[in-house]
Amino acid sequence: MKKITIAIDGFSSTGKSTLAKSLAKSLSYVYIDTGAMYRAVTLSAMRKGLIKENYFNREGLIESLPSVELHFEYNPEKGFAEVFLNQENVEGVIRSLEVSQFVSQIAEVPEVRRKLVEQQQNLGKSKGVVMDGRDIGTVVFPDAELKIFMTASPEIRAQRRFDELKEKDPNVSYDAVFHNVVERDKIDTSRADSPLVKADDAIEVDNSNLTIEEQFNLILELAQKRIK
């Protein structure tokens, strides 16, 4: 059976990663979380004091990129590959709201995007890959056999993200999460380099009123048709 490339793009907190992981597992494909790569670079910049509230040392970030080493290691207990930053497993750390508030600023830097897009293309050159992000179907794999563009209302996305974060941080507020979602949308869609847009041949899925199972079954069927 032939293998294809599946590109899943869309807005933040639409469940792209959850869907991509399940899809890859069902198809016995490799899952690559490109968002984790941008988050890891963001974490690196934060630790070096290059970005914080009302401060962003853009030139310092660019100069630091050669020292940022990323790789993925498969975790059999979790069923997906986790991201490592300079040999440290940072999968849990990068999901915080603190990292989330800066990741879109880091991701709009052309030098960061070039570094990570090259790595992503190398990881997926053998096909049999499910990759999610913001520009997979438009920049990383414009020839992907299946492109999905996921969306949902900002209010619903914020509630989902809030429910996820409050388990780790009981002090997190819905208003802060909603503001973060709206701000990330603005930055992602308006940046000059590889803005978030729906590819002409992508299938748009609004999951505002879909369960995780309904969404998975819908896209699995689409993938199976493309594979056949």
C-alpha atoms as a PDB file:
ATOM      1  CA  MET A   1       0.000   0.000   0.000  1.00  0.00           C
ATOM      2  CA  LYS A   2       1.413   3.386  -0.986  1.00  0.00           C
ATOM      3  CA  LYS A   3       2.275   5.949   1.647  1.00  0.00           C
ATOM      4  CA  ILE A   4       1.218   9.588   1.494  1.00  0.00           C
ATOM      5  CA  THR A   5       2.009  12.831   3.277  1.00  0.00           C
ATOM      6  CA  ILE A   6      -0.782  14.291   5.406  1.00  0.00           C
ATOM      7  CA  ALA A   7      -0.535  18.000   6.230  1.00  0.00           C
ATOM      8  CA  ILE A   8      -2.731  19.398   9.001  1.00  0.00           C
ATOM      9  CA  ASP A   9      -2.782  23.176   9.391  1.00  0.00           C
ATOM     10  CA  GLY A  10      -5.033  25.529  11.292  1.00  0.00           C
ATOM     11  CA  PHE A  11      -5.522  27.904  14.180  1.00  0.00           C
ATOM     12  CA  SER A  12      -4.156  27.359  17.671  1.00  0.00           C
ATOM     13  CA  SER A  13      -6.090  25.093  20.044  1.00  0.00           C
ATOM     14  CA  THR A  14      -8.108  23.375  17.320  1.00  0.00           C
ATOM     15  CA  GLY A  15      -6.790  19.977  18.391  1.00  0.00           C
ATOM     16  CA  LYS A  16      -4.399  19.531  15.476  1.00  0.00           C
ATOM     17  CA  SER A  17      -1.852  17.602  17.521  1.00  0.00           C
ATOM     18  CA  THR A  18      -4.424  15.297  19.113  1.00  0.00           C
ATOM     19  CA  LEU A  19      -5.883  14.491  15.712  1.00  0.00           C
ATOM     20  CA  ALA A  20      -2.484  14.040  14.057  1.00  0.00           C
ATOM     21  CA  LYS A  21      -1.251  11.672  16.776  1.00  0.00           C
ATOM     22  CA  SER A  22      -4.367   9.488  16.517  1.00  0.00           C
ATOM     23  CA  LEU A  23      -4.269   9.495  12.733  1.00  0.00           C
ATOM     24  CA  ALA A  24      -0.593   8.534  12.624  1.00  0.00           C
ATOM     25  CA  LYS A  25      -1.161   5.710  15.102  1.00  0.00           C
ATOM     26  CA  SER A  26      -4.124   4.351  13.150  1.00  0.00           C
ATOM     27  CA  LEU A  27      -2.224   4.426   9.847  1.00  0.00           C
ATOM     28  CA  SER A  28       1.128   3.326  11.353  1.00  0.00           C
ATOM     29  CA  TYR A  29       2.606   6.614  10.128  1.00  0.00           C
ATOM     30  CA  VAL A  30       5.207   8.872  11.721  1.00  0.00           C
ATOM     31  CA  TYR A  31       3.789  11.874  13.588  1.00  0.00           C
ATOM     32  CA  ILE A  32       5.798  15.114  13.669  1.00  0.00           C
ATOM     33  CA  ASP A  33       4.617  18.002  15.858  1.00  0.00           C
ATOM     34  CA  THR A  34       6.092  21.106  14.218  1.00  0.00           C
ATOM     35  CA  GLY A  35       4.463  23.321  16.831  1.00  0.00           C
ATOM     36  CA  ALA A  36       6.622  21.613  19.458  1.00  0.00           C
ATOM     37  CA  MET A  37       9.700  22.620  17.477  1.00  0.00           C
ATOM     38  CA  TYR A  38       8.722  26.302  17.536  1.00  0.00           C
ATOM     39  CA  ARG A  39       7.838  26.023  21.203  1.00  0.00           C
ATOM     40  CA  ALA A  40      11.241  24.504  21.958  1.00  0.00           C
ATOM     41  CA  VAL A  41      13.011  27.393  20.208  1.00  0.00           C
ATOM     42  CA  THR A  42      10.813  29.777  22.219  1.00  0.00           C
ATOM     43  CA  LEU A  43      11.765  28.042  25.459  1.00  0.00           C
ATOM     44  CA  SER A  44      15.426  28.331  24.518  1.00  0.00           C
ATOM     45  CA  ALA A  45      15.035  32.077  23.875  1.00  0.00           C
ATOM     46  CA  MET A  46      13.228  32.549  27.196  1.00  0.00           C
ATOM     47  CA  ARG A  47      15.926  30.722  29.129  1.00  0.00           C
ATOM     48  CA  LYS A  48      18.587  32.919  27.523  1.00  0.00           C
ATOM     49  CA  GLY A  49      16.673  36.071  28.428  1.00  0.00           C
ATOM     50  CA  LEU A  50      16.091  36.942  24.778  1.00  0.00           C
ATOM     51  CA  ILE A  51      12.318  37.317  25.060  1.00  0.00           C
ATOM     52  CA  LYS A  52      10.036  38.348  27.896  1.00  0.00           C
ATOM     53  CA  GLU A  53       7.182  40.770  28.421  1.00  0.00           C
ATOM     54  CA  ASN A  54       7.794  43.963  26.399  1.00  0.00           C
ATOM     55  CA  TYR A  55      11.280  42.787  25.375  1.00  0.00           C
ATOM     56  CA  PHE A  56      12.486  40.777  22.385  1.00  0.00           C
ATOM     57  CA  ASN A  57      16.147  40.576  21.375  1.00  0.00           C
ATOM     58  CA  ARG A  58      15.554  39.471  17.791  1.00  0.00           C
ATOM     59  CA  GLU A  59      19.201  39.678  16.732  1.00  0.00           C
ATOM     60  CA  GLY A  60      20.241  37.728  19.802  1.00  0.00           C
ATOM     61  CA  LEU A  61      17.740  35.016  18.909  1.00  0.00           C
ATOM     62  CA  ILE A  62      19.085  34.737  15.358  1.00  0.00           C
ATOM     63  CA  GLU A  63      22.669  34.541  16.639  1.00  0.00           C
ATOM     64  CA  SER A  64      21.666  31.788  19.093  1.00  0.00           C
ATOM     65  CA  LEU A  65      20.045  29.510  16.486  1.00  0.00           C
ATOM     66  CA  PRO A  66      23.185  27.462  15.663  1.00  0.00           C
ATOM     67  CA  SER A  67      23.308  26.387  19.324  1.00  0.00           C
ATOM     68  CA  VAL A  68      19.691  25.197  19.294  1.00  0.00           C
ATOM     69  CA  GLU A  69      19.617  21.456  18.633  1.00  0.00           C
ATOM     70  CA  LEU A  70      16.274  19.694  18.283  1.00  0.00           C
ATOM     71  CA  HIS A  71      15.369  16.069  17.810  1.00  0.00           C
ATOM     72  CA  PHE A  72      12.450  13.716  18.466  1.00  0.00           C
ATOM     73  CA  GLU A  73      12.453  10.451  20.394  1.00  0.00           C
ATOM     74  CA  TYR A  74       9.558   8.009  20.327  1.00  0.00           C
ATOM     75  CA  ASN A  75       7.939   7.362  23.713  1.00  0.00           C
ATOM     76  CA  PRO A  76       6.233   3.941  23.577  1.00  0.00           C
ATOM     77  CA  GLU A  77       4.205   4.649  26.719  1.00  0.00           C
ATOM     78  CA  LYS A  78       2.672   7.800  25.218  1.00  0.00           C
ATOM     79  CA  GLY A  79       2.583   6.507  21.653  1.00  0.00           C
ATOM     80  CA  PHE A  80       4.252   9.502  20.018  1.00  0.00           C
ATOM     81  CA  ALA A  81       7.641  11.169  19.578  1.00  0.00           C
ATOM     82  CA  GLU A  82       8.639  13.794  22.149  1.00  0.00           C
ATOM     83  CA  VAL A  83      10.772  16.833  21.375  1.00  0.00           C
ATOM     84  CA  PHE A  84      14.237  17.291  22.882  1.00  0.00           C
ATOM     85  CA  LEU A  85      16.076  20.612  23.178  1.00  0.00           C
ATOM     86  CA  ASN A  86      19.843  20.149  23.389  1.00  0.00           C
ATOM     87  CA  GLN A  87      19.364  16.576  24.685  1.00  0.00           C
ATOM     88  CA  GLU A  88      16.714  17.604  27.272  1.00  0.00           C
ATOM     89  CA  ASN A  89      13.167  16.295  27.036  1.00  0.00           C
ATOM     90  CA  VAL A  90      11.087  19.490  27.078  1.00  0.00           C
ATOM     91  CA  GLU A  91       7.763  18.017  25.944  1.00  0.00           C
ATOM     92  CA  GLY A  92       5.991  18.993  29.173  1.00  0.00           C
ATOM     93  CA  VAL A  93       7.661  22.359  29.748  1.00  0.00           C
ATOM     94  CA  ILE A  94       6.821  23.814  26.318  1.00  0.00           C
ATOM     95  CA  ARG A  95       3.047  23.477  26.781  1.00  0.00           C
ATOM     96  CA  SER A  96       2.799  26.215  29.410  1.00  0.00           C
ATOM     97  CA  LEU A  97       0.854  29.433  28.875  1.00  0.00           C
ATOM     98  CA  GLU A  98       4.112  31.349  29.402  1.00  0.00           C
ATOM     99  CA  VAL A  99       5.670  29.699  26.346  1.00  0.00           C
ATOM    100  CA  SER A 100       2.409  30.045  24.418  1.00  0.00           C
ATOM    101  CA  GLN A 101       2.367  33.816  24.794  1.00  0.00           C
ATOM    102  CA  PHE A 102       5.710  34.192  22.998  1.00  0.00           C
ATOM    103  CA  VAL A 103       5.721  31.369  20.437  1.00  0.00           C
ATOM    104  CA  SER A 104       3.989  33.294  17.639  1.00  0.00           C
ATOM    105  CA  GLN A 105       6.569  36.104  17.914  1.00  0.00           C
ATOM    106  CA  ILE A 106       9.396  33.588  17.626  1.00  0.00           C
ATOM    107  CA  ALA A 107       7.689  31.759  14.751  1.00  0.00           C
ATOM    108  CA  GLU A 108       7.411  34.895  12.617  1.00  0.00           C
ATOM    109  CA  VAL A 109      11.211  35.332  12.470  1.00  0.00           C
ATOM    110  CA  PRO A 110      12.282  34.206   8.941  1.00  0.00           C
ATOM    111  CA  GLU A 111      15.581  32.724  10.147  1.00  0.00           C
ATOM    112  CA  VAL A 112      13.732  30.519  12.645  1.00  0.00           C
ATOM    113  CA  ARG A 113      11.258  29.357  10.009  1.00  0.00           C
ATOM    114  CA  ARG A 114      14.001  28.520   7.500  1.00  0.00           C
ATOM    115  CA  LYS A 115      15.903  26.466  10.064  1.00  0.00           C
ATOM    116  CA  LEU A 116      12.844  24.473  11.136  1.00  0.00           C
ATOM    117  CA  VAL A 117      11.234  24.076   7.697  1.00  0.00           C
ATOM    118  CA  GLU A 118      14.437  22.475   6.420  1.00  0.00           C
ATOM    119  CA  GLN A 119      14.405  20.022   9.327  1.00  0.00           C
ATOM    120  CA  GLN A 120      10.706  19.275   8.795  1.00  0.00           C
ATOM    121  CA  GLN A 121      11.183  18.558   5.097  1.00  0.00           C
ATOM    122  CA  ASN A 122      14.044  16.173   5.882  1.00  0.00           C
ATOM    123  CA  LEU A 123      11.928  14.363   8.477  1.00  0.00           C
ATOM    124  CA  GLY A 124       9.078  13.865   6.011  1.00  0.00           C
ATOM    125  CA  LYS A 125      10.877  13.148   2.748  1.00  0.00           C
ATOM    126  CA  SER A 126      10.114   9.399   2.906  1.00  0.00           C
ATOM    127  CA  LYS A 127       6.332   9.981   3.170  1.00  0.00           C
ATOM    128  CA  GLY A 128       4.175   7.980   5.560  1.00  0.00           C
ATOM    129  CA  VAL A 129       4.061  11.123   7.701  1.00  0.00           C
ATOM    130  CA  VAL A 130       1.379  13.119   9.498  1.00  0.00           C
ATOM    131  CA  MET A 131       2.623  16.632  10.215  1.00  0.00           C
ATOM    132  CA  ASP A 132       0.704  19.468  11.844  1.00  0.00           C
ATOM    133  CA  GLY A 133       1.454  23.169  12.103  1.00  0.00           C
ATOM    134  CA  ARG A 134       0.665  26.505  10.467  1.00  0.00           C
ATOM    135  CA  ASP A 135       2.309  26.244   7.042  1.00  0.00           C
ATOM    136  CA  ILE A 136       2.658  22.526   6.335  1.00  0.00           C
ATOM    137  CA  GLY A 137       0.348  22.434   3.315  1.00  0.00           C
ATOM    138  CA  THR A 138       1.514  25.775   1.929  1.00  0.00           C
ATOM    139  CA  VAL A 139       5.281  25.818   2.584  1.00  0.00           C
ATOM    140  CA  VAL A 140       6.688  22.606   4.070  1.00  0.00           C
ATOM    141  CA  PHE A 141       4.803  20.092   1.905  1.00  0.00           C
ATOM    142  CA  PRO A 142       2.891  21.969  -0.821  1.00  0.00           C
ATOM    143  CA  ASP A 143       2.550  18.670  -2.722  1.00  0.00           C
ATOM    144  CA  ALA A 144       1.051  16.707   0.188  1.00  0.00           C
ATOM    145  CA  GLU A 145      -1.606  14.269  -0.990  1.00  0.00           C
ATOM    146  CA  LEU A 146      -4.007  15.248   1.808  1.00  0.00           C
ATOM    147  CA  LYS A 147      -4.246  18.725   3.316  1.00  0.00           C
ATOM    148  CA  ILE A 148      -6.562  19.546   6.200  1.00  0.00           C
ATOM    149  CA  PHE A 149      -7.217  23.067   7.518  1.00  0.00           C
ATOM    150  CA  MET A 150      -8.749  23.094  10.995  1.00  0.00           C
ATOM    151  CA  THR A 151     -10.709  25.916  12.572  1.00  0.00           C
ATOM    152  CA  ALA A 152     -13.157  26.624  15.399  1.00  0.00           C
ATOM    153  CA  SER A 153     -14.525  29.715  17.112  1.00  0.00           C
ATOM    154  CA  PRO A 154     -12.050  31.602  19.360  1.00  0.00           C
ATOM    155  CA  GLU A 155     -14.346  31.139  22.374  1.00  0.00           C
ATOM    156  CA  ILE A 156     -14.463  27.372  21.997  1.00  0.00           C
ATOM    157  CA  ARG A 157     -10.737  27.119  21.379  1.00  0.00           C
ATOM    158  CA  ALA A 158     -10.007  29.230  24.448  1.00  0.00           C
ATOM    159  CA  GLN A 159     -12.283  27.034  26.593  1.00  0.00           C
ATOM    160  CA  ARG A 160     -10.534  23.883  25.397  1.00  0.00           C
ATOM    161  CA  ARG A 161      -7.119  25.359  26.127  1.00  0.00           C
ATOM    162  CA  PHE A 162      -8.287  26.656  29.517  1.00  0.00           C
ATOM    163  CA  ASP A 163      -9.615  23.215  30.506  1.00  0.00           C
ATOM    164  CA  GLU A 164      -6.269  21.687  29.546  1.00  0.00           C
ATOM    165  CA  LEU A 165      -4.129  24.247  31.390  1.00  0.00           C
ATOM    166  CA  LYS A 166      -6.126  24.483  34.619  1.00  0.00           C
ATOM    167  CA  GLU A 167      -5.266  20.844  35.402  1.00  0.00           C
ATOM    168  CA  LYS A 168      -1.620  21.918  35.652  1.00  0.00           C
ATOM    169  CA  ASP A 169      -2.134  25.463  36.930  1.00  0.00           C
ATOM    170  CA  PRO A 170      -5.269  26.167  39.014  1.00  0.00           C
ATOM    171  CA  ASN A 171      -4.485  29.896  38.906  1.00  0.00           C
ATOM    172  CA  VAL A 172      -4.810  30.224  35.130  1.00  0.00           C
ATOM    173  CA  SER A 173      -7.731  32.412  34.005  1.00  0.00           C
ATOM    174  CA  TYR A 174     -10.045  31.978  31.031  1.00  0.00           C
ATOM    175  CA  ASP A 175      -9.644  35.652  30.086  1.00  0.00           C
ATOM    176  CA  ALA A 176      -5.859  35.280  29.870  1.00  0.00           C
ATOM    177  CA  VAL A 177      -6.205  32.184  27.705  1.00  0.00           C
ATOM    178  CA  PHE A 178      -8.788  33.837  25.441  1.00  0.00           C
ATOM    179  CA  HIS A 179      -6.533  36.870  25.004  1.00  0.00           C
ATOM    180  CA  ASN A 180      -3.648  34.561  24.099  1.00  0.00           C
ATOM    181  CA  VAL A 181      -5.739  32.707  21.496  1.00  0.00           C
ATOM    182  CA  VAL A 182      -6.905  35.948  19.840  1.00  0.00           C
ATOM    183  CA  GLU A 183      -3.414  37.461  19.876  1.00  0.00           C
ATOM    184  CA  ARG A 184      -1.858  34.325  18.368  1.00  0.00           C
ATOM    185  CA  ASP A 185      -4.482  34.323  15.612  1.00  0.00           C
ATOM    186  CA  LYS A 186      -3.605  37.914  14.797  1.00  0.00           C
ATOM    187  CA  ILE A 187       0.137  37.272  14.658  1.00  0.00           C
ATOM    188  CA  ASP A 188      -0.158  33.952  12.801  1.00  0.00           C
ATOM    189  CA  THR A 189      -2.383  35.334  10.061  1.00  0.00           C
ATOM    190  CA  SER A 190      -0.641  38.676   9.564  1.00  0.00           C
ATOM    191  CA  ARG A 191       3.061  37.844   9.669  1.00  0.00           C
ATOM    192  CA  ALA A 192       5.029  38.573   6.508  1.00  0.00           C
ATOM    193  CA  ASP A 193       6.786  35.189   6.334  1.00  0.00           C
ATOM    194  CA  SER A 194       4.525  32.155   5.769  1.00  0.00           C
ATOM    195  CA  PRO A 195       1.317  33.480   7.333  1.00  0.00           C
ATOM    196  CA  LEU A 196      -1.401  31.061   8.367  1.00  0.00           C
ATOM    197  CA  VAL A 197      -3.631  30.613   5.313  1.00  0.00           C
ATOM    198  CA  LYS A 198      -5.709  27.782   3.955  1.00  0.00           C
ATOM    199  CA  ALA A 199      -4.061  26.095   0.973  1.00  0.00           C
ATOM    200  CA  ASP A 200      -6.215  26.197  -2.154  1.00  0.00           C
ATOM    201  CA  ASP A 201      -6.505  22.396  -2.193  1.00  0.00           C
ATOM    202  CA  ALA A 202      -6.969  21.932   1.559  1.00  0.00           C
ATOM    203  CA  ILE A 203     -10.176  20.598   3.073  1.00  0.00           C
ATOM    204  CA  GLU A 204     -11.476  22.925   5.794  1.00  0.00           C
ATOM    205  CA  VAL A 205     -12.864  21.296   8.934  1.00  0.00           C
ATOM    206  CA  ASP A 206     -14.667  23.462  11.495  1.00  0.00           C
ATOM    207  CA  ASN A 207     -14.689  21.327  14.637  1.00  0.00           C
ATOM    208  CA  SER A 208     -16.559  23.783  16.869  1.00  0.00           C
ATOM    209  CA  ASN A 209     -19.400  21.284  17.211  1.00  0.00           C
ATOM    210  CA  LEU A 210     -17.595  18.012  16.504  1.00  0.00           C
ATOM    211  CA  THR A 211     -16.476  15.487  19.087  1.00  0.00           C
ATOM    212  CA  ILE A 212     -12.897  14.226  18.927  1.00  0.00           C
ATOM    213  CA  GLU A 213     -14.217  10.867  17.680  1.00  0.00           C
ATOM    214  CA  GLU A 214     -16.394  12.441  14.956  1.00  0.00           C
ATOM    215  CA  GLN A 215     -13.509  14.534  13.710  1.00  0.00           C
ATOM    216  CA  PHE A 216     -11.111  11.589  13.728  1.00  0.00           C
ATOM    217  CA  ASN A 217     -13.480   9.324  11.796  1.00  0.00           C
ATOM    218  CA  LEU A 218     -14.118  12.035   9.200  1.00  0.00           C
ATOM    219  CA  ILE A 219     -10.443  12.665   8.490  1.00  0.00           C
ATOM    220  CA  LEU A 220      -9.418   9.000   8.712  1.00  0.00           C
ATOM    221  CA  GLU A 221     -11.929   8.269   5.943  1.00  0.00           C
ATOM    222  CA  LEU A 222     -10.446  11.061   3.829  1.00  0.00           C
ATOM    223  CA  ALA A 223      -6.930   9.694   4.391  1.00  0.00           C
ATOM    224  CA  GLN A 224      -7.918   6.126   3.509  1.00  0.00           C
ATOM    225  CA  LYS A 225      -9.483   7.330   0.246  1.00  0.00           C
ATOM    226  CA  ARG A 226      -6.308   9.209  -0.719  1.00  0.00           C
ATOM    227  CA  ILE A 227      -4.129   6.208   0.165  1.00  0.00           C
ATOM    228  CA  LYS A 228      -6.236   3.913  -2.015  1.00  0.00           C
END
